Amino acid sequence: MGTYRMATGAGGSERGAGRGEQQLDALGDARRRDIVALLSDGAVSVGELAERLPISRPAVSQHLKVLKEAGLVRDHAEGTRRLYGLDPSGPAGVRAYLDRFWSNQLAAFAEYVGEDAVRRRSGAPSRQAGRGEESERDRP
């Protein structure tokens, strides 16, 4: 699966963006999403996951390796077993990656509202509506 890399904008760190992209890539596989969903109930062994999924134990181990490298899953020894669970700090990379886009959209909206308020005070016509938007004169 190819990965689309985007340059980080102001305020975004390459490391944080890279981690978020890696996590999104890891979650792009349906089986890995199934594993994350099962782990949301608590830590379990590879064998227990394999029993609950229609894939082999070695395949579960490979998926867990990808999720662990992405920082979404962590493991610990409990007696002779190794248990896997969700890393509570794991989603932070995905959130930071997505927040960059949300922040950009909010900034653009704030700029538009500010410009529109200045235009209204000065009596100038409102800025033309973009594609898919209605202008004020088109509204009933």
C-alpha atoms as a PDB file:
ATOM      1  CA  MET A   1       0.000   0.000   0.000  1.00  0.00           C
ATOM      2  CA  GLY A   2       1.469   3.364  -0.992  1.00  0.00           C
ATOM      3  CA  THR A   3       1.683   6.192   1.455  1.00  0.00           C
ATOM      4  CA  TYR A   4       0.902   9.781   0.610  1.00  0.00           C
ATOM      5  CA  ARG A   5       3.378  12.064   2.344  1.00  0.00           C
ATOM      6  CA  MET A   6       2.517  15.646   3.012  1.00  0.00           C
ATOM      7  CA  ALA A   7       4.860  18.430   4.021  1.00  0.00           C
ATOM      8  CA  THR A   8       4.163  19.726   7.494  1.00  0.00           C
ATOM      9  CA  GLY A   9       2.855  23.236   7.746  1.00  0.00           C
ATOM     10  CA  ALA A  10       3.636  25.872  10.312  1.00  0.00           C
ATOM     11  CA  GLY A  11       3.171  24.529  13.792  1.00  0.00           C
ATOM     12  CA  GLY A  12       3.382  20.876  12.686  1.00  0.00           C
ATOM     13  CA  SER A  13       6.379  18.779  13.484  1.00  0.00           C
ATOM     14  CA  GLU A  14       7.759  16.300  10.994  1.00  0.00           C
ATOM     15  CA  ARG A  15       8.075  13.671  13.704  1.00  0.00           C
ATOM     16  CA  GLY A  16       4.476  14.103  14.913  1.00  0.00           C
ATOM     17  CA  ALA A  17       3.132  14.144  11.371  1.00  0.00           C
ATOM     18  CA  GLY A  18       5.149  11.052  10.495  1.00  0.00           C
ATOM     19  CA  ARG A  19       3.841   9.175  13.538  1.00  0.00           C
ATOM     20  CA  GLY A  20       0.245  10.109  12.698  1.00  0.00           C
ATOM     21  CA  GLU A  21       0.714   8.992   9.106  1.00  0.00           C
ATOM     22  CA  GLN A  22       2.253   5.722  10.276  1.00  0.00           C
ATOM     23  CA  GLN A  23      -0.685   5.141  12.609  1.00  0.00           C
ATOM     24  CA  LEU A  24      -3.235   5.884   9.900  1.00  0.00           C
ATOM     25  CA  ASP A  25      -1.389   3.511   7.567  1.00  0.00           C
ATOM     26  CA  ALA A  26      -1.485   0.816  10.259  1.00  0.00           C
ATOM     27  CA  LEU A  27      -5.214   1.339  10.768  1.00  0.00           C
ATOM     28  CA  GLY A  28      -5.817   1.195   7.020  1.00  0.00           C
ATOM     29  CA  ASP A  29      -6.004  -2.597   7.196  1.00  0.00           C
ATOM     30  CA  ALA A  30      -9.370  -4.047   8.257  1.00  0.00           C
ATOM     31  CA  ARG A  31      -7.801  -6.886  10.278  1.00  0.00           C
ATOM     32  CA  ARG A  32      -5.689  -4.440  12.257  1.00  0.00           C
ATOM     33  CA  ARG A  33      -8.810  -2.379  12.981  1.00  0.00           C
ATOM     34  CA  ASP A  34     -10.467  -5.617  14.169  1.00  0.00           C
ATOM     35  CA  ILE A  35      -7.510  -6.262  16.475  1.00  0.00           C
ATOM     36  CA  VAL A  36      -7.671  -2.718  17.875  1.00  0.00           C
ATOM     37  CA  ALA A  37     -11.406  -3.173  18.493  1.00  0.00           C
ATOM     38  CA  LEU A  38     -10.785  -6.450  20.350  1.00  0.00           C
ATOM     39  CA  LEU A  39      -7.999  -4.875  22.394  1.00  0.00           C
ATOM     40  CA  SER A  40     -10.315  -2.055  23.447  1.00  0.00           C
ATOM     41  CA  ASP A  41     -11.891  -4.588  25.842  1.00  0.00           C
ATOM     42  CA  GLY A  42      -8.537  -5.210  27.539  1.00  0.00           C
ATOM     43  CA  ALA A  43      -5.188  -6.917  27.098  1.00  0.00           C
ATOM     44  CA  VAL A  44      -5.148 -10.401  25.560  1.00  0.00           C
ATOM     45  CA  SER A  45      -2.640 -12.895  24.180  1.00  0.00           C
ATOM     46  CA  VAL A  46      -1.912 -13.590  20.516  1.00  0.00           C
ATOM     47  CA  GLY A  47      -3.635 -16.970  20.908  1.00  0.00           C
ATOM     48  CA  GLU A  48      -6.811 -15.390  22.262  1.00  0.00           C
ATOM     49  CA  LEU A  49      -6.878 -12.909  19.388  1.00  0.00           C
ATOM     50  CA  ALA A  50      -6.329 -15.706  16.854  1.00  0.00           C
ATOM     51  CA  GLU A  51      -9.274 -17.631  18.331  1.00  0.00           C
ATOM     52  CA  ARG A  52     -11.545 -14.618  17.824  1.00  0.00           C
ATOM     53  CA  LEU A  53     -10.358 -13.727  14.320  1.00  0.00           C
ATOM     54  CA  PRO A  54     -10.521 -15.636  11.030  1.00  0.00           C
ATOM     55  CA  ILE A  55      -6.726 -15.448  10.589  1.00  0.00           C
ATOM     56  CA  SER A  56      -3.805 -17.536  11.768  1.00  0.00           C
ATOM     57  CA  ARG A  57      -1.772 -16.909  14.895  1.00  0.00           C
ATOM     58  CA  PRO A  58       1.324 -15.914  12.830  1.00  0.00           C
ATOM     59  CA  ALA A  59      -0.837 -13.402  10.895  1.00  0.00           C
ATOM     60  CA  VAL A  60      -2.106 -11.932  14.180  1.00  0.00           C
ATOM     61  CA  SER A  61       1.505 -11.608  15.346  1.00  0.00           C
ATOM     62  CA  GLN A  62       2.456  -9.754  12.162  1.00  0.00           C
ATOM     63  CA  HIS A  63      -0.473  -7.360  12.524  1.00  0.00           C
ATOM     64  CA  LEU A  64       0.421  -6.758  16.181  1.00  0.00           C
ATOM     65  CA  LYS A  65       3.999  -5.992  15.143  1.00  0.00           C
ATOM     66  CA  VAL A  66       2.774  -3.282  12.739  1.00  0.00           C
ATOM     67  CA  LEU A  67       0.430  -1.828  15.371  1.00  0.00           C
ATOM     68  CA  LYS A  68       3.200  -1.868  17.970  1.00  0.00           C
ATOM     69  CA  GLU A  69       5.684  -0.153  15.629  1.00  0.00           C
ATOM     70  CA  ALA A  70       3.023   2.504  14.960  1.00  0.00           C
ATOM     71  CA  GLY A  71       2.696   3.097  18.707  1.00  0.00           C
ATOM     72  CA  LEU A  72      -0.916   1.954  18.911  1.00  0.00           C
ATOM     73  CA  VAL A  73      -0.349  -1.270  20.852  1.00  0.00           C
ATOM     74  CA  ARG A  74       2.001  -2.262  23.640  1.00  0.00           C
ATOM     75  CA  ASP A  75       2.768  -5.581  25.239  1.00  0.00           C
ATOM     76  CA  HIS A  76       3.884  -6.908  28.591  1.00  0.00           C
ATOM     77  CA  ALA A  77       4.799 -10.272  30.051  1.00  0.00           C
ATOM     78  CA  GLU A  78       2.430 -11.880  32.487  1.00  0.00           C
ATOM     79  CA  GLY A  79       3.922 -15.128  33.676  1.00  0.00           C
ATOM     80  CA  THR A  80       4.778 -17.145  30.565  1.00  0.00           C
ATOM     81  CA  ARG A  81       2.338 -15.247  28.369  1.00  0.00           C
ATOM     82  CA  ARG A  82       2.755 -11.982  26.500  1.00  0.00           C
ATOM     83  CA  LEU A  83      -0.340  -9.822  26.610  1.00  0.00           C
ATOM     84  CA  TYR A  84      -1.135  -7.069  24.125  1.00  0.00           C
ATOM     85  CA  GLY A  85      -3.230  -4.016  24.846  1.00  0.00           C
ATOM     86  CA  LEU A  86      -3.864  -0.578  23.445  1.00  0.00           C
ATOM     87  CA  ASP A  87      -1.276   2.085  24.163  1.00  0.00           C
ATOM     88  CA  PRO A  88      -3.229   4.888  25.859  1.00  0.00           C
ATOM     89  CA  SER A  89      -0.986   7.528  24.280  1.00  0.00           C
ATOM     90  CA  GLY A  90      -1.202   5.857  20.859  1.00  0.00           C
ATOM     91  CA  PRO A  91      -3.984   7.887  19.248  1.00  0.00           C
ATOM     92  CA  ALA A  92      -2.162  11.159  20.013  1.00  0.00           C
ATOM     93  CA  GLY A  93      -0.204  10.931  16.753  1.00  0.00           C
ATOM     94  CA  VAL A  94      -3.344  10.413  14.669  1.00  0.00           C
ATOM     95  CA  ARG A  95      -5.078  13.235  16.489  1.00  0.00           C
ATOM     96  CA  ALA A  96      -2.137  15.622  15.973  1.00  0.00           C
ATOM     97  CA  TYR A  97      -2.046  14.714  12.289  1.00  0.00           C
ATOM     98  CA  LEU A  98      -5.775  15.368  11.840  1.00  0.00           C
ATOM     99  CA  ASP A  99      -5.768  18.454  14.078  1.00  0.00           C
ATOM    100  CA  ARG A 100      -3.407  20.175  11.646  1.00  0.00           C
ATOM    101  CA  PHE A 101      -6.116  20.088   9.001  1.00  0.00           C
ATOM    102  CA  TRP A 102      -8.855  21.085  11.434  1.00  0.00           C
ATOM    103  CA  SER A 103      -6.739  24.009  12.679  1.00  0.00           C
ATOM    104  CA  ASN A 104      -6.132  25.167   9.097  1.00  0.00           C
ATOM    105  CA  GLN A 105      -9.865  25.059   8.368  1.00  0.00           C
ATOM    106  CA  LEU A 106     -10.727  26.945  11.553  1.00  0.00           C
ATOM    107  CA  ALA A 107      -8.119  29.612  10.755  1.00  0.00           C
ATOM    108  CA  ALA A 108      -9.497  30.010   7.228  1.00  0.00           C
ATOM    109  CA  PHE A 109     -13.036  30.293   8.605  1.00  0.00           C
ATOM    110  CA  ALA A 110     -11.977  32.883  11.199  1.00  0.00           C
ATOM    111  CA  GLU A 111     -10.259  34.891   8.460  1.00  0.00           C
ATOM    112  CA  TYR A 112     -13.390  34.753   6.288  1.00  0.00           C
ATOM    113  CA  VAL A 113     -15.643  35.838   9.158  1.00  0.00           C
ATOM    114  CA  GLY A 114     -13.298  38.705  10.021  1.00  0.00           C
ATOM    115  CA  GLU A 115     -13.147  39.905   6.411  1.00  0.00           C
ATOM    116  CA  ASP A 116     -16.913  39.596   6.062  1.00  0.00           C
ATOM    117  CA  ALA A 117     -17.491  41.623   9.239  1.00  0.00           C
ATOM    118  CA  VAL A 118     -15.225  44.405   7.925  1.00  0.00           C
ATOM    119  CA  ARG A 119     -17.072  44.405   4.586  1.00  0.00           C
ATOM    120  CA  ARG A 120     -20.457  44.571   6.272  1.00  0.00           C
ATOM    121  CA  ARG A 121     -19.375  47.516   8.429  1.00  0.00           C
ATOM    122  CA  SER A 122     -18.054  49.342   5.385  1.00  0.00           C
ATOM    123  CA  GLY A 123     -21.190  48.599   3.352  1.00  0.00           C
ATOM    124  CA  ALA A 124     -19.223  46.649   0.713  1.00  0.00           C
ATOM    125  CA  PRO A 125     -20.908  43.612  -0.849  1.00  0.00           C
ATOM    126  CA  SER A 126     -20.103  40.235   0.670  1.00  0.00           C
ATOM    127  CA  ARG A 127     -17.446  38.088  -0.919  1.00  0.00           C
ATOM    128  CA  GLN A 128     -18.725  35.783  -3.670  1.00  0.00           C
ATOM    129  CA  ALA A 129     -19.770  32.382  -2.421  1.00  0.00           C
ATOM    130  CA  GLY A 130     -17.486  29.518  -3.399  1.00  0.00           C
ATOM    131  CA  ARG A 131     -18.478  26.363  -5.204  1.00  0.00           C
ATOM    132  CA  GLY A 132     -21.396  24.614  -3.568  1.00  0.00           C
ATOM    133  CA  GLU A 133     -22.234  27.660  -1.430  1.00  0.00           C
ATOM    134  CA  GLU A 134     -25.169  29.993  -1.795  1.00  0.00           C
ATOM    135  CA  SER A 135     -24.591  33.723  -1.956  1.00  0.00           C
ATOM    136  CA  GLU A 136     -26.800  35.921   0.189  1.00  0.00           C
ATOM    137  CA  ARG A 137     -28.754  37.089  -2.867  1.00  0.00           C
ATOM    138  CA  ASP A 138     -29.518  33.452  -3.864  1.00  0.00           C
ATOM    139  CA  ARG A 139     -31.162  32.695  -0.524  1.00  0.00           C
ATOM    140  CA  PRO A 140     -34.945  33.092  -0.138  1.00  0.00           C
END
